Amino acid sequence: MDPIGYTHLAAGLAAGLAAIGGAIGVALIVKAVLEGVARQPEQRGTLQTLMFIGVPLAEAVPIIAIVVSLILIFS
């Protein structure tokens, strides 16, 4: 296999693993918020605000990894 093929393989793996990692991260955040609301319903607003901050942070790394993999593919 030529080096370009390895680059495309690495880019595809990076994008796929980043997407899986981001999905797992978001699922864990939402799970924790739902458990917290089930335990203390009066803290719903605070937990929801923290979730709205945490989910984009968990999604930032996969988005950056996908951009880097696209740069690898098209360069």
C-alpha atoms as a PDB file:
ATOM      1  CA  MET A   1       0.000   0.000   0.000  1.00  0.00           C
ATOM      2  CA  ASP A   2       1.299   3.445  -0.816  1.00  0.00           C
ATOM      3  CA  PRO A   3       1.730   6.253   1.740  1.00  0.00           C
ATOM      4  CA  ILE A   4      -1.358   8.074   0.453  1.00  0.00           C
ATOM      5  CA  GLY A   5      -3.445   4.986   1.141  1.00  0.00           C
ATOM      6  CA  TYR A   6      -2.136   4.834   4.695  1.00  0.00           C
ATOM      7  CA  THR A   7      -2.927   8.524   5.126  1.00  0.00           C
ATOM      8  CA  HIS A   8      -6.509   7.984   3.995  1.00  0.00           C
ATOM      9  CA  LEU A   9      -6.820   4.946   6.249  1.00  0.00           C
ATOM     10  CA  ALA A  10      -5.522   6.914   9.237  1.00  0.00           C
ATOM     11  CA  ALA A  11      -7.843   9.818   8.455  1.00  0.00           C
ATOM     12  CA  GLY A  12     -10.847   7.513   8.242  1.00  0.00           C
ATOM     13  CA  LEU A  13      -9.971   5.800  11.502  1.00  0.00           C
ATOM     14  CA  ALA A  14      -9.435   9.141  13.225  1.00  0.00           C
ATOM     15  CA  ALA A  15     -12.800  10.466  12.071  1.00  0.00           C
ATOM     16  CA  GLY A  16     -14.636   7.282  13.014  1.00  0.00           C
ATOM     17  CA  LEU A  17     -13.058   6.905  16.436  1.00  0.00           C
ATOM     18  CA  ALA A  18     -13.605  10.595  17.151  1.00  0.00           C
ATOM     19  CA  ALA A  19     -17.288  10.260  16.304  1.00  0.00           C
ATOM     20  CA  ILE A  20     -17.633   7.216  18.550  1.00  0.00           C
ATOM     21  CA  GLY A  21     -15.804   8.960  21.392  1.00  0.00           C
ATOM     22  CA  GLY A  22     -17.957  12.060  21.073  1.00  0.00           C
ATOM     23  CA  ALA A  23     -21.147  10.009  21.126  1.00  0.00           C
ATOM     24  CA  ILE A  24     -20.029   8.136  24.237  1.00  0.00           C
ATOM     25  CA  GLY A  25     -19.059  11.399  25.938  1.00  0.00           C
ATOM     26  CA  VAL A  26     -22.392  13.060  25.227  1.00  0.00           C
ATOM     27  CA  ALA A  27     -24.268   9.950  26.353  1.00  0.00           C
ATOM     28  CA  LEU A  28     -22.399   9.921  29.669  1.00  0.00           C
ATOM     29  CA  ILE A  29     -23.113  13.622  30.236  1.00  0.00           C
ATOM     30  CA  VAL A  30     -26.831  13.233  29.534  1.00  0.00           C
ATOM     31  CA  LYS A  31     -26.980  10.091  31.693  1.00  0.00           C
ATOM     32  CA  ALA A  32     -25.408  11.928  34.612  1.00  0.00           C
ATOM     33  CA  VAL A  33     -27.800  14.867  34.251  1.00  0.00           C
ATOM     34  CA  LEU A  34     -30.835  12.584  34.120  1.00  0.00           C
ATOM     35  CA  GLU A  35     -29.662  10.743  37.229  1.00  0.00           C
ATOM     36  CA  GLY A  36     -29.107  14.050  38.993  1.00  0.00           C
ATOM     37  CA  VAL A  37     -32.564  15.332  38.085  1.00  0.00           C
ATOM     38  CA  ALA A  38     -34.104  12.053  39.250  1.00  0.00           C
ATOM     39  CA  ARG A  39     -32.384  12.449  42.632  1.00  0.00           C
ATOM     40  CA  GLN A  40     -32.938  16.192  43.090  1.00  0.00           C
ATOM     41  CA  PRO A  41     -35.654  17.586  40.813  1.00  0.00           C
ATOM     42  CA  GLU A  42     -35.211  21.092  42.265  1.00  0.00           C
ATOM     43  CA  GLN A  43     -31.703  21.254  40.746  1.00  0.00           C
ATOM     44  CA  ARG A  44     -33.027  20.707  37.221  1.00  0.00           C
ATOM     45  CA  GLY A  45     -32.197  24.205  35.977  1.00  0.00           C
ATOM     46  CA  THR A  46     -28.627  24.134  37.250  1.00  0.00           C
ATOM     47  CA  LEU A  47     -27.954  20.664  35.883  1.00  0.00           C
ATOM     48  CA  GLN A  48     -29.498  21.539  32.539  1.00  0.00           C
ATOM     49  CA  THR A  49     -27.293  24.626  32.273  1.00  0.00           C
ATOM     50  CA  LEU A  50     -24.204  22.575  33.048  1.00  0.00           C
ATOM     51  CA  MET A  51     -25.285  20.031  30.448  1.00  0.00           C
ATOM     52  CA  PHE A  52     -25.669  22.759  27.820  1.00  0.00           C
ATOM     53  CA  ILE A  53     -22.080  23.787  28.575  1.00  0.00           C
ATOM     54  CA  GLY A  54     -20.669  20.252  28.773  1.00  0.00           C
ATOM     55  CA  VAL A  55     -22.148  18.786  25.598  1.00  0.00           C
ATOM     56  CA  PRO A  56     -20.475  21.282  23.225  1.00  0.00           C
ATOM     57  CA  LEU A  57     -17.183  20.781  25.044  1.00  0.00           C
ATOM     58  CA  ALA A  58     -17.509  17.029  24.576  1.00  0.00           C
ATOM     59  CA  GLU A  59     -18.303  17.544  20.881  1.00  0.00           C
ATOM     60  CA  ALA A  60     -15.435  19.979  20.239  1.00  0.00           C
ATOM     61  CA  VAL A  61     -12.680  17.351  20.183  1.00  0.00           C
ATOM     62  CA  PRO A  62     -14.428  15.074  17.637  1.00  0.00           C
ATOM     63  CA  ILE A  63     -15.145  18.047  15.396  1.00  0.00           C
ATOM     64  CA  ILE A  64     -11.489  19.074  15.510  1.00  0.00           C
ATOM     65  CA  ALA A  65     -10.420  15.480  14.778  1.00  0.00           C
ATOM     66  CA  ILE A  66     -12.740  15.306  11.778  1.00  0.00           C
ATOM     67  CA  VAL A  67     -11.370  18.596  10.448  1.00  0.00           C
ATOM     68  CA  VAL A  68      -7.807  17.310  10.840  1.00  0.00           C
ATOM     69  CA  SER A  69      -8.723  14.086   9.051  1.00  0.00           C
ATOM     70  CA  LEU A  70     -10.272  16.062   6.189  1.00  0.00           C
ATOM     71  CA  ILE A  71      -7.087  18.115   5.962  1.00  0.00           C
ATOM     72  CA  LEU A  72      -5.108  14.860   5.768  1.00  0.00           C
ATOM     73  CA  ILE A  73      -7.338  13.500   3.023  1.00  0.00           C
ATOM     74  CA  PHE A  74      -7.347  16.589   0.815  1.00  0.00           C
ATOM     75  CA  SER A  75      -3.739  17.692   1.245  1.00  0.00           C
END
